[in-house]
Structure formats: C-alpha cells, structure tokens
PDB file of N, CA and C in Angstrom:
ATOM      1  N   MET A   1     195.270 -15.840  49.944  1.00  0.00           N
ATOM      2  CA  MET A   1     195.463 -14.180  49.413  1.00  0.00           C
ATOM      3  C   MET A   1     194.043 -14.290  48.864  1.00  0.00           C
ATOM      4  N   ALA A   2     193.376 -14.898  48.191  1.00  0.00           N
ATOM      5  CA  ALA A   2     192.017 -14.488  47.558  1.00  0.00           C
ATOM      6  C   ALA A   2     190.813 -14.097  48.575  1.00  0.00           C
ATOM      7  N   GLU A   3     191.102 -14.513  49.788  1.00  0.00           N
ATOM      8  CA  GLU A   3     189.775 -14.949  50.949  1.00  0.00           C
ATOM      9  C   GLU A   3     190.963 -13.057  51.582  1.00  0.00           C
ATOM     10  N   ALA A   4     191.520 -12.773  51.378  1.00  0.00           N
ATOM     11  CA  ALA A   4     191.875 -10.820  52.193  1.00  0.00           C
ATOM     12  C   ALA A   4     191.186 -10.466  50.880  1.00  0.00           C
ATOM     13  N   GLY A   5     190.919 -10.450  49.906  1.00  0.00           N
ATOM     14  CA  GLY A   5     190.638  -9.437  48.769  1.00  0.00           C
ATOM     15  C   GLY A   5     189.144  -9.710  48.722  1.00  0.00           C
ATOM     16  N   PHE A   6     188.090 -10.689  49.184  1.00  0.00           N
ATOM     17  CA  PHE A   6     187.125 -10.793  49.302  1.00  0.00           C
ATOM     18  C   PHE A   6     186.420  -9.881  51.127  1.00  0.00           C
ATOM     19  N   ALA A   7     187.406 -10.679  51.836  1.00  0.00           N
ATOM     20  CA  ALA A   7     187.216  -9.331  53.503  1.00  0.00           C
ATOM     21  C   ALA A   7     187.022  -8.111  53.193  1.00  0.00           C
ATOM     22  N   GLY A   8     188.053  -7.447  52.245  1.00  0.00           N
ATOM     23  CA  GLY A   8     188.087  -6.187  52.066  1.00  0.00           C
ATOM     24  C   GLY A   8     186.388  -5.509  51.422  1.00  0.00           C
ATOM     25  N   CYS A   9     186.143  -6.699  50.640  1.00  0.00           N
ATOM     26  CA  CYS A   9     184.528  -5.741  50.158  1.00  0.00           C
ATOM     27  C   CYS A   9     183.580  -5.738  51.044  1.00  0.00           C
ATOM     28  N   PRO A  10     183.163  -6.289  52.655  1.00  0.00           N
ATOM     29  CA  PRO A  10     182.180  -5.660  53.110  1.00  0.00           C
ATOM     30  C   PRO A  10     182.962  -4.759  53.379  1.00  0.00           C
ATOM     31  N   ASP A  11     183.885  -4.226  54.498  1.00  0.00           N
ATOM     32  CA  ASP A  11     184.417  -3.150  54.596  1.00  0.00           C
ATOM     33  C   ASP A  11     184.339  -1.980  53.725  1.00  0.00           C
ATOM     34  N   GLN A  12     184.256  -1.903  52.600  1.00  0.00           N
ATOM     35  CA  GLN A  12     184.732  -0.739  51.285  1.00  0.00           C
ATOM     36  C   GLN A  12     182.316  -0.737  51.233  1.00  0.00           C
ATOM     37  N   LEU A  13     181.578  -1.762  51.599  1.00  0.00           N
ATOM     38  CA  LEU A  13     180.389  -1.604  51.479  1.00  0.00           C
ATOM     39  C   LEU A  13     180.192  -0.829  52.975  1.00  0.00           C
ATOM     40  N   LEU A  14     180.619  -1.228  54.257  1.00  0.00           N
ATOM     41  CA  LEU A  14     180.249  -0.239  55.333  1.00  0.00           C
ATOM     42  C   LEU A  14     180.773   0.749  55.330  1.00  0.00           C
ATOM     43  N   LEU A  15     181.978   1.356  54.256  1.00  0.00           N
ATOM     44  CA  LEU A  15     182.594   2.760  54.519  1.00  0.00           C
ATOM     45  C   LEU A  15     181.034   3.306  53.722  1.00  0.00           C
ATOM     46  N   ARG A  16     180.599   2.606  52.582  1.00  0.00           N
ATOM     47  CA  ARG A  16     179.679   3.801  51.790  1.00  0.00           C
ATOM     48  C   ARG A  16     178.255   3.823  52.392  1.00  0.00           C
ATOM     49  N   ARG A  17     178.343   2.866  53.074  1.00  0.00           N
ATOM     50  CA  ARG A  17     177.340   3.083  53.735  1.00  0.00           C
ATOM     51  C   ARG A  17     176.954   4.176  55.381  1.00  0.00           C
ATOM     52  N   ARG A  18     178.357   4.242  55.974  1.00  0.00           N
ATOM     53  CA  ARG A  18     179.010   5.203  56.575  1.00  0.00           C
ATOM     54  C   ARG A  18     178.777   6.703  56.154  1.00  0.00           C
ATOM     55  N   ARG A  19     179.551   6.525  54.904  1.00  0.00           N
ATOM     56  CA  ARG A  19     179.258   7.975  53.794  1.00  0.00           C
ATOM     57  C   ARG A  19     177.681   8.462  53.797  1.00  0.00           C
ATOM     58  N   ARG A  20     176.855   7.516  53.646  1.00  0.00           N
ATOM     59  CA  ARG A  20     175.743   7.742  53.123  1.00  0.00           C
ATOM     60  C   ARG A  20     174.926   8.487  54.365  1.00  0.00           C
ATOM     61  N   VAL A  21     174.983   7.680  55.493  1.00  0.00           N
ATOM     62  CA  VAL A  21     174.465   7.851  56.816  1.00  0.00           C
ATOM     63  C   VAL A  21     175.411   9.679  57.068  1.00  0.00           C
ATOM     64  N   ARG A  22     176.268   9.188  56.783  1.00  0.00           N
ATOM     65  CA  ARG A  22     176.444  11.052  57.444  1.00  0.00           C
ATOM     66  C   ARG A  22     176.270  12.114  56.445  1.00  0.00           C
ATOM     67  N   ASN A  23     176.066  11.723  55.132  1.00  0.00           N
ATOM     68  CA  ASN A  23     175.338  12.850  54.497  1.00  0.00           C
ATOM     69  C   ASN A  23     174.301  13.266  54.868  1.00  0.00           C
ATOM     70  N   ALA A  24     173.407  11.676  55.269  1.00  0.00           N
ATOM     71  CA  ALA A  24     171.848  11.932  55.616  1.00  0.00           C
ATOM     72  C   ALA A  24     172.102  12.616  56.449  1.00  0.00           C
ATOM     73  N   LEU A  25     172.706  12.506  57.491  1.00  0.00           N
ATOM     74  CA  LEU A  25     172.618  13.565  59.116  1.00  0.00           C
ATOM     75  C   LEU A  25     172.888  14.852  58.567  1.00  0.00           C
ATOM     76  N   ARG A  26     174.368  15.478  57.870  1.00  0.00           N
ATOM     77  CA  ARG A  26     174.326  16.454  57.066  1.00  0.00           C
ATOM     78  C   ARG A  26     173.531  17.462  56.821  1.00  0.00           C
ATOM     79  N   SER A  27     172.228  16.411  55.735  1.00  0.00           N
ATOM     80  CA  SER A  27     171.552  17.485  55.211  1.00  0.00           C
ATOM     81  C   SER A  27     170.304  17.298  56.428  1.00  0.00           C
ATOM     82  N   THR A  28     170.247  16.371  57.258  1.00  0.00           N
ATOM     83  CA  THR A  28     169.004  16.125  58.324  1.00  0.00           C
ATOM     84  C   THR A  28     169.467  17.419  59.392  1.00  0.00           C
ATOM     85  N   ARG A  29     170.873  17.931  59.693  1.00  0.00           N
ATOM     86  CA  ARG A  29     171.151  18.959  60.408  1.00  0.00           C
ATOM     87  C   ARG A  29     170.658  20.254  59.628  1.00  0.00           C
ATOM     88  N   HIS A  30     170.733  20.353  58.249  1.00  0.00           N
ATOM     89  CA  HIS A  30     170.673  21.743  57.378  1.00  0.00           C
ATOM     90  C   HIS A  30     169.636  21.779  57.628  1.00  0.00           C
ATOM     91  N   ALA A  31     168.558  21.135  57.570  1.00  0.00           N
ATOM     92  CA  ALA A  31     166.857  20.934  57.575  1.00  0.00           C
ATOM     93  C   ALA A  31     166.613  21.654  58.952  1.00  0.00           C
ATOM     94  N   ALA A  32     166.996  21.247  59.980  1.00  0.00           N
ATOM     95  CA  ALA A  32     167.097  21.299  61.206  1.00  0.00           C
ATOM     96  C   ALA A  32     167.364  22.790  61.321  1.00  0.00           C
ATOM     97  N   ALA A  33     168.459  22.928  61.140  1.00  0.00           N
ATOM     98  CA  ALA A  33     168.774  24.876  61.371  1.00  0.00           C
ATOM     99  C   ALA A  33     168.090  25.617  60.346  1.00  0.00           C
ATOM    100  N   ILE A  34     167.621  25.141  59.459  1.00  0.00           N
ATOM    101  CA  ILE A  34     166.261  26.397  58.525  1.00  0.00           C
ATOM    102  C   ILE A  34     164.997  26.159  59.394  1.00  0.00           C
ATOM    103  N   ARG A  35     164.970  24.875  60.184  1.00  0.00           N
ATOM    104  CA  ARG A  35     163.059  25.302  60.770  1.00  0.00           C
ATOM    105  C   ARG A  35     163.190  25.865  62.205  1.00  0.00           C
ATOM    106  N   LEU A  36     165.184  25.591  62.618  1.00  0.00           N
ATOM    107  CA  LEU A  36     164.912  26.626  64.193  1.00  0.00           C
ATOM    108  C   LEU A  36     165.177  27.959  63.692  1.00  0.00           C
ATOM    109  N   ALA A  37     165.703  28.454  62.643  1.00  0.00           N
ATOM    110  CA  ALA A  37     165.974  30.018  61.978  1.00  0.00           C
ATOM    111  C   ALA A  37     163.975  30.639  62.144  1.00  0.00           C
ATOM    112  N   ASP A  38     163.811  29.828  61.382  1.00  0.00           N
ATOM    113  CA  ASP A  38     162.018  30.276  61.161  1.00  0.00           C
ATOM    114  C   ASP A  38     161.371  30.309  62.685  1.00  0.00           C
ATOM    115  N   LEU A  39     161.717  29.848  63.727  1.00  0.00           N
ATOM    116  CA  LEU A  39     161.083  30.052  64.922  1.00  0.00           C
ATOM    117  C   LEU A  39     161.882  30.880  65.986  1.00  0.00           C
ATOM    118  N   GLY A  40     163.417  31.509  65.079  1.00  0.00           N
ATOM    119  CA  GLY A  40     163.655  32.517  65.896  1.00  0.00           C
ATOM    120  C   GLY A  40     164.882  32.343  66.618  1.00  0.00           C
ATOM    121  N   VAL A  41     165.201  31.163  66.393  1.00  0.00           N
ATOM    122  CA  VAL A  41     166.553  30.519  67.071  1.00  0.00           C
ATOM    123  C   VAL A  41     167.391  31.081  66.306  1.00  0.00           C
ATOM    124  N   VAL A  42     168.757  32.046  67.512  1.00  0.00           N
ATOM    125  CA  VAL A  42     169.745  32.198  66.061  1.00  0.00           C
ATOM    126  C   VAL A  42     171.114  31.224  66.704  1.00  0.00           C
ATOM    127  N   VAL A  43     171.129  30.440  65.487  1.00  0.00           N
ATOM    128  CA  VAL A  43     172.313  30.010  65.147  1.00  0.00           C
ATOM    129  C   VAL A  43     173.380  30.761  65.138  1.00  0.00           C
ATOM    130  N   PRO A  44     174.246  30.160  66.417  1.00  0.00           N
ATOM    131  CA  PRO A  44     175.410  31.180  66.682  1.00  0.00           C
ATOM    132  C   PRO A  44     176.874  30.389  64.978  1.00  0.00           C
ATOM    133  N   THR A  45     177.681  31.140  64.825  1.00  0.00           N
ATOM    134  CA  THR A  45     178.428  30.493  64.044  1.00  0.00           C
ATOM    135  C   THR A  45     179.814  30.482  64.691  1.00  0.00           C
ATOM    136  N   GLU A  46     180.256  30.172  65.533  1.00  0.00           N
ATOM    137  CA  GLU A  46     180.963  29.437  66.608  1.00  0.00           C
ATOM    138  C   GLU A  46     180.659  28.876  67.499  1.00  0.00           C
ATOM    139  N   ARG A  47     181.189  28.393  68.533  1.00  0.00           N
ATOM    140  CA  ARG A  47     180.988  27.280  69.668  1.00  0.00           C
ATOM    141  C   ARG A  47     180.310  28.400  70.880  1.00  0.00           C
ATOM    142  N   SER A  48     178.916  27.538  70.899  1.00  0.00           N
ATOM    143  CA  SER A  48     178.001  28.593  72.060  1.00  0.00           C
ATOM    144  C   SER A  48     177.221  27.889  72.843  1.00  0.00           C
ATOM    145  N   ALA A  49     176.802  27.859  74.402  1.00  0.00           N
ATOM    146  CA  ALA A  49     175.681  26.795  74.453  1.00  0.00           C
ATOM    147  C   ALA A  49     174.131  27.419  74.616  1.00  0.00           C
ATOM    148  N   GLU A  50     173.039  26.668  74.878  1.00  0.00           N
ATOM    149  CA  GLU A  50     171.951  27.127  75.156  1.00  0.00           C
ATOM    150  C   GLU A  50     171.636  26.275  76.167  1.00  0.00           C
ATOM    151  N   VAL A  51     171.136  27.460  77.658  1.00  0.00           N
ATOM    152  CA  VAL A  51     170.426  27.180  78.528  1.00  0.00           C
ATOM    153  C   VAL A  51     169.297  27.488  78.984  1.00  0.00           C
ATOM    154  N   ALA A  52     168.917  26.621  79.237  1.00  0.00           N
ATOM    155  CA  ALA A  52     167.349  26.914  79.494  1.00  0.00           C
ATOM    156  C   ALA A  52     167.046  26.944  81.138  1.00  0.00           C
ATOM    157  N   LEU A  53     166.698  27.677  81.711  1.00  0.00           N
ATOM    158  CA  LEU A  53     166.307  28.206  83.087  1.00  0.00           C
ATOM    159  C   LEU A  53     164.597  28.056  83.393  1.00  0.00           C
ATOM    160  N   TRP A  54     164.172  27.366  84.266  1.00  0.00           N
ATOM    161  CA  TRP A  54     163.258  27.076  84.404  1.00  0.00           C
ATOM    162  C   TRP A  54     163.113  28.203  86.141  1.00  0.00           C
ATOM    163  N   VAL A  55     161.865  29.437  85.398  1.00  0.00           N
ATOM    164  CA  VAL A  55     162.151  30.584  86.917  1.00  0.00           C
ATOM    165  C   VAL A  55     160.850  30.486  87.414  1.00  0.00           C
ATOM    166  N   SER A  56     160.275  31.121  88.189  1.00  0.00           N
ATOM    167  CA  SER A  56     159.241  31.562  88.946  1.00  0.00           C
ATOM    168  C   SER A  56     158.315  32.561  88.305  1.00  0.00           C
ATOM    169  N   ASP A  57     159.514  33.797  87.610  1.00  0.00           N
ATOM    170  CA  ASP A  57     158.492  34.972  87.314  1.00  0.00           C
ATOM    171  C   ASP A  57     159.414  35.451  85.818  1.00  0.00           C
ATOM    172  N   VAL A  58     159.044  35.037  84.611  1.00  0.00           N
ATOM    173  CA  VAL A  58     159.942  34.972  83.225  1.00  0.00           C
ATOM    174  C   VAL A  58     160.017  36.486  83.290  1.00  0.00           C
ATOM    175  N   ASN A  59     158.968  37.630  83.201  1.00  0.00           N
ATOM    176  CA  ASN A  59     159.440  39.025  82.683  1.00  0.00           C
ATOM    177  C   ASN A  59     160.343  39.831  83.650  1.00  0.00           C
ATOM    178  N   HIS A  60     159.966  39.118  85.014  1.00  0.00           N
ATOM    179  CA  HIS A  60     161.254  39.822  86.384  1.00  0.00           C
ATOM    180  C   HIS A  60     162.332  39.547  85.716  1.00  0.00           C
ATOM    181  N   HIS A  61     162.762  38.364  85.675  1.00  0.00           N
ATOM    182  CA  HIS A  61     164.358  37.976  85.047  1.00  0.00           C
ATOM    183  C   HIS A  61     164.745  38.172  83.536  1.00  0.00           C
ATOM    184  N   TYR A  62     163.939  38.752  82.611  1.00  0.00           N
ATOM    185  CA  TYR A  62     164.030  39.347  81.700  1.00  0.00           C
ATOM    186  C   TYR A  62     164.253  40.687  82.066  1.00  0.00           C
ATOM    187  N   GLU A  63     163.747  41.196  82.520  1.00  0.00           N
ATOM    188  CA  GLU A  63     164.154  42.612  82.840  1.00  0.00           C
ATOM    189  C   GLU A  63     165.326  42.464  83.326  1.00  0.00           C
ATOM    190  N   LEU A  64     165.408  42.056  84.539  1.00  0.00           N
ATOM    191  CA  LEU A  64     167.054  41.940  84.484  1.00  0.00           C
ATOM    192  C   LEU A  64     168.143  41.414  83.767  1.00  0.00           C
ATOM    193  N   ALA A  65     167.965  40.660  82.984  1.00  0.00           N
ATOM    194  CA  ALA A  65     169.316  40.549  82.280  1.00  0.00           C
ATOM    195  C   ALA A  65     169.217  41.731  81.254  1.00  0.00           C
ATOM    196  N   VAL A  66     168.184  42.231  80.706  1.00  0.00           N
ATOM    197  CA  VAL A  66     168.291  43.493  79.515  1.00  0.00           C
ATOM    198  C   VAL A  66     169.151  44.403  80.343  1.00  0.00           C
ATOM    199  N   GLN A  67     168.287  44.615  81.496  1.00  0.00           N
ATOM    200  CA  GLN A  67     169.725  45.788  82.301  1.00  0.00           C
ATOM    201  C   GLN A  67     171.238  45.592  82.649  1.00  0.00           C
ATOM    202  N   VAL A  68     171.370  44.632  82.352  1.00  0.00           N
ATOM    203  CA  VAL A  68     173.005  44.377  82.577  1.00  0.00           C
ATOM    204  C   VAL A  68     173.463  44.212  81.039  1.00  0.00           C
ATOM    205  N   GLY A  69     172.874  43.796  79.868  1.00  0.00           N
ATOM    206  CA  GLY A  69     173.446  43.732  78.745  1.00  0.00           C
ATOM    207  C   GLY A  69     173.217  42.679  77.773  1.00  0.00           C
ATOM    208  N   ALA A  70     171.984  41.990  78.221  1.00  0.00           N
ATOM    209  CA  ALA A  70     171.964  41.119  77.948  1.00  0.00           C
ATOM    210  C   ALA A  70     170.908  41.878  75.597  1.00  0.00           C
ATOM    211  N   LYS A  71     171.345  40.992  75.108  1.00  0.00           N
ATOM    212  CA  LYS A  71     170.991  40.957  73.656  1.00  0.00           C
ATOM    213  C   LYS A  71     169.479  40.470  73.378  1.00  0.00           C
ATOM    214  N   VAL A  72     168.421  40.723  73.040  1.00  0.00           N
ATOM    215  CA  VAL A  72     167.365  40.080  72.870  1.00  0.00           C
ATOM    216  C   VAL A  72     167.145  39.264  71.825  1.00  0.00           C
ATOM    217  N   ILE A  73     166.428  38.227  71.899  1.00  0.00           N
ATOM    218  CA  ILE A  73     166.236  37.044  70.780  1.00  0.00           C
ATOM    219  C   ILE A  73     164.836  37.224  70.898  1.00  0.00           C
ATOM    220  N   ARG A  74     163.933  37.004  71.668  1.00  0.00           N
ATOM    221  CA  ARG A  74     162.364  36.955  71.896  1.00  0.00           C
ATOM    222  C   ARG A  74     162.204  37.790  73.155  1.00  0.00           C
ATOM    223  N   PRO A  75     161.286  38.820  73.275  1.00  0.00           N
ATOM    224  CA  PRO A  75     160.795  39.033  74.662  1.00  0.00           C
ATOM    225  C   PRO A  75     159.720  38.209  75.020  1.00  0.00           C
ATOM    226  N   PRO A  76     159.593  37.977  76.325  1.00  0.00           N
ATOM    227  CA  PRO A  76     158.897  37.363  76.977  1.00  0.00           C
ATOM    228  C   PRO A  76     157.482  37.476  76.292  1.00  0.00           C
ATOM    229  N   MET A  77     156.996  36.209  76.225  1.00  0.00           N
ATOM    230  CA  MET A  77     155.697  35.926  75.733  1.00  0.00           C
ATOM    231  C   MET A  77     155.264  34.192  76.201  1.00  0.00           C
ATOM    232  N   ASP A  78     153.686  33.932  75.729  1.00  0.00           N
ATOM    233  CA  ASP A  78     153.178  32.366  75.837  1.00  0.00           C
ATOM    234  C   ASP A  78     153.307  32.186  74.580  1.00  0.00           C
ATOM    235  N   ALA A  79     153.250  30.683  75.143  1.00  0.00           N
ATOM    236  CA  ALA A  79     153.048  29.838  73.656  1.00  0.00           C
ATOM    237  C   ALA A  79     152.524  29.394  73.633  1.00  0.00           C
ATOM    238  N   PRO A  80     152.133  29.080  72.009  1.00  0.00           N
ATOM    239  CA  PRO A  80     150.265  29.015  71.464  1.00  0.00           C
ATOM    240  C   PRO A  80     149.388  28.185  72.503  1.00  0.00           C
ATOM    241  N   ASP A  81     150.078  27.074  73.045  1.00  0.00           N
ATOM    242  CA  ASP A  81     149.145  25.845  73.530  1.00  0.00           C
ATOM    243  C   ASP A  81     149.058  26.633  74.815  1.00  0.00           C
ATOM    244  N   GLY A  82     149.400  27.556  75.296  1.00  0.00           N
ATOM    245  CA  GLY A  82     149.687  27.780  76.537  1.00  0.00           C
ATOM    246  C   GLY A  82     149.963  27.652  77.593  1.00  0.00           C
ATOM    247  N   ARG A  83     150.544  26.442  77.585  1.00  0.00           N
ATOM    248  CA  ARG A  83     151.704  25.648  78.976  1.00  0.00           C
ATOM    249  C   ARG A  83     152.288  26.739  78.927  1.00  0.00           C
ATOM    250  N   LEU A  84     153.510  27.410  78.468  1.00  0.00           N
ATOM    251  CA  LEU A  84     154.659  27.670  79.011  1.00  0.00           C
ATOM    252  C   LEU A  84     154.744  29.670  78.468  1.00  0.00           C
ATOM    253  N   ARG A  85     155.142  30.354  79.582  1.00  0.00           N
ATOM    254  CA  ARG A  85     155.677  31.382  79.348  1.00  0.00           C
ATOM    255  C   ARG A  85     157.091  31.083  79.089  1.00  0.00           C
ATOM    256  N   TYR A  86     157.754  32.173  77.766  1.00  0.00           N
ATOM    257  CA  TYR A  86     159.050  32.185  77.789  1.00  0.00           C
ATOM    258  C   TYR A  86     159.744  33.129  77.454  1.00  0.00           C
ATOM    259  N   ALA A  87     161.207  33.545  77.249  1.00  0.00           N
ATOM    260  CA  ALA A  87     161.682  34.795  76.201  1.00  0.00           C
ATOM    261  C   ALA A  87     162.984  33.880  76.309  1.00  0.00           C
ATOM    262  N   TRP A  88     163.995  34.627  75.164  1.00  0.00           N
ATOM    263  CA  TRP A  88     165.292  34.247  74.460  1.00  0.00           C
ATOM    264  C   TRP A  88     166.056  35.669  74.977  1.00  0.00           C
ATOM    265  N   PHE A  89     167.169  35.170  74.983  1.00  0.00           N
ATOM    266  CA  PHE A  89     168.097  36.385  74.626  1.00  0.00           C
ATOM    267  C   PHE A  89     169.752  35.712  75.447  1.00  0.00           C
ATOM    268  N   THR A  90     170.317  36.359  74.342  1.00  0.00           N
ATOM    269  CA  THR A  90     172.474  35.928  74.608  1.00  0.00           C
ATOM    270  C   THR A  90     172.548  36.993  75.647  1.00  0.00           C
ATOM    271  N   ASP A  91     173.779  35.825  76.227  1.00  0.00           N
ATOM    272  CA  ASP A  91     174.450  37.069  77.141  1.00  0.00           C
ATOM    273  C   ASP A  91     175.350  37.590  76.296  1.00  0.00           C
ATOM    274  N   PRO A  92     176.421  38.406  77.433  1.00  0.00           N
ATOM    275  CA  PRO A  92     177.910  38.697  76.272  1.00  0.00           C
ATOM    276  C   PRO A  92     178.423  37.873  75.133  1.00  0.00           C
ATOM    277  N   GLU A  93     178.781  36.645  76.044  1.00  0.00           N
ATOM    278  CA  GLU A  93     179.830  35.747  75.584  1.00  0.00           C
ATOM    279  C   GLU A  93     179.051  34.982  74.009  1.00  0.00           C
ATOM    280  N   ARG A  94     178.004  35.226  73.887  1.00  0.00           N
ATOM    281  CA  ARG A  94     176.843  34.696  72.724  1.00  0.00           C
ATOM    282  C   ARG A  94     176.010  33.018  73.173  1.00  0.00           C
ATOM    283  N   HIS A  95     176.038  32.918  74.852  1.00  0.00           N
ATOM    284  CA  HIS A  95     175.210  31.618  74.487  1.00  0.00           C
ATOM    285  C   HIS A  95     173.972  32.349  75.143  1.00  0.00           C
ATOM    286  N   GLN A  96     173.047  31.137  74.061  1.00  0.00           N
ATOM    287  CA  GLN A  96     171.715  31.893  74.083  1.00  0.00           C
ATOM    288  C   GLN A  96     171.601  31.282  75.844  1.00  0.00           C
ATOM    289  N   ILE A  97     170.255  31.960  76.311  1.00  0.00           N
ATOM    290  CA  ILE A  97     169.670  31.845  77.144  1.00  0.00           C
ATOM    291  C   ILE A  97     168.277  31.648  77.373  1.00  0.00           C
ATOM    292  N   ARG A  98     167.322  30.820  78.159  1.00  0.00           N
ATOM    293  CA  ARG A  98     165.517  30.874  77.298  1.00  0.00           C
ATOM    294  C   ARG A  98     165.586  30.884  78.966  1.00  0.00           C
ATOM    295  N   LEU A  99     164.283  31.365  79.334  1.00  0.00           N
ATOM    296  CA  LEU A  99     163.701  31.866  80.209  1.00  0.00           C
ATOM    297  C   LEU A  99     162.471  31.039  80.019  1.00  0.00           C
ATOM    298  N   LEU A 100     162.332  30.400  81.386  1.00  0.00           N
ATOM    299  CA  LEU A 100     160.792  29.140  81.147  1.00  0.00           C
ATOM    300  C   LEU A 100     159.783  29.170  82.463  1.00  0.00           C
ATOM    301  N   LYS A 101     158.976  29.639  81.935  1.00  0.00           N
ATOM    302  CA  LYS A 101     157.901  29.140  83.361  1.00  0.00           C
ATOM    303  C   LYS A 101     156.861  28.372  82.609  1.00  0.00           C
ATOM    304  N   GLN A 102     156.562  26.939  83.180  1.00  0.00           N
ATOM    305  CA  GLN A 102     154.465  26.222  83.320  1.00  0.00           C
ATOM    306  C   GLN A 102     153.993  27.213  83.968  1.00  0.00           C
ATOM    307  N   LEU A 103     152.745  27.654  83.307  1.00  0.00           N
ATOM    308  CA  LEU A 103     151.814  27.966  83.320  1.00  0.00           C
ATOM    309  C   LEU A 103     150.602  27.555  83.752  1.00  0.00           C
ATOM    310  N   GLN A 104     150.406  25.668  83.056  1.00  0.00           N
ATOM    311  CA  GLN A 104     149.102  24.979  83.746  1.00  0.00           C
ATOM    312  C   GLN A 104     149.414  23.972  83.786  1.00  0.00           C
ATOM    313  N   GLN A 105     149.293  23.475  84.237  1.00  0.00           N
ATOM    314  CA  GLN A 105     149.061  22.016  84.214  1.00  0.00           C
ATOM    315  C   GLN A 105     147.992  20.981  83.165  1.00  0.00           C
ATOM    316  N   HIS A 106     148.030  20.139  82.720  1.00  0.00           N
ATOM    317  CA  HIS A 106     147.490  19.232  81.963  1.00  0.00           C
ATOM    318  C   HIS A 106     147.327  17.531  82.259  1.00  0.00           C
ATOM    319  N   THR A 107     146.093  17.310  81.793  1.00  0.00           N
ATOM    320  CA  THR A 107     146.000  15.614  82.060  1.00  0.00           C
ATOM    321  C   THR A 107     146.181  15.373  80.850  1.00  0.00           C
ATOM    322  N   LEU A 108     146.682  14.379  80.655  1.00  0.00           N
ATOM    323  CA  LEU A 108     146.865  13.270  79.563  1.00  0.00           C
ATOM    324  C   LEU A 108     145.554  13.668  78.646  1.00  0.00           C
ATOM    325  N   GLU A 109     144.220  13.533  78.611  1.00  0.00           N
ATOM    326  CA  GLU A 109     143.077  13.633  78.317  1.00  0.00           C
ATOM    327  C   GLU A 109     142.338  14.777  77.961  1.00  0.00           C
ATOM    328  N   GLU A 110     143.615  16.089  78.159  1.00  0.00           N
ATOM    329  CA  GLU A 110     143.741  17.137  77.821  1.00  0.00           C
ATOM    330  C   GLU A 110     144.479  17.739  76.901  1.00  0.00           C
ATOM    331  N   ARG A 111     145.506  16.894  76.819  1.00  0.00           N
ATOM    332  CA  ARG A 111     146.456  16.642  75.649  1.00  0.00           C
ATOM    333  C   ARG A 111     146.259  16.260  74.791  1.00  0.00           C
ATOM    334  N   PHE A 112     145.394  15.247  74.425  1.00  0.00           N
ATOM    335  CA  PHE A 112     144.961  14.311  73.302  1.00  0.00           C
ATOM    336  C   PHE A 112     143.905  14.597  72.886  1.00  0.00           C
ATOM    337  N   SER A 113     142.776  15.767  73.354  1.00  0.00           N
ATOM    338  CA  SER A 113     141.832  15.970  73.049  1.00  0.00           C
ATOM    339  C   SER A 113     142.064  16.788  72.083  1.00  0.00           C
TER     340      SER A 113
END
C-alpha cells in the first residue's frame, strides 16, 4: 500500500504541470488576441470561421461582396512588403473572409537581404 501512495505523487506533479501549461496557453492566446486586434482583425464573440481566398482581382471580388452586404473590416490594400494585395470583410453570418492576391515573386536572396 505504501507504493500506491508513492505512485500518486507523479500523478500530482503531472496535474500541476498540465495546469501550468494550460495557464500559459491561455495567457499566450490572450496576448495573440491583443496582437490580432491591433492589426484590425475582428475577434468574434461567438463561434465563426475565417476563410482565405486567393483571387485574381481583389478589388473586383471585394466590390461584389460589398454590393451583397458584406461588412468591411479592411478595404483592399497592398501589404507593406509589396508581396500581397488583400481585403477583409465579414459575411452575414459573421465569418471573416480574406481576399488575397500575390503581387510579385521574390527569390530567396531577395527575401533575406
């Protein structure tokens, strides 16, 4: 019976470690949500999905979405590094939709220089 009590100790340590990891993940998710909010990403209060669509013309598809009632998060714009053009909006069910288009290809040397 003494061994049974000893065997419980590692379980308690494991439970404490799991709690610490769970708490660390919660704080990491919270920090990530703050960073995303700073970028203009809408954090929904209920379950939703985000869809990224690669399109040939971001402006055209964005205008079509707005015409049928999409709520604008970010109008079409170029990424600061010039590689992408993108726009964000939500559909009537509050799912985030991101339209993306690659503007130019970069070689590995260009990316890391």
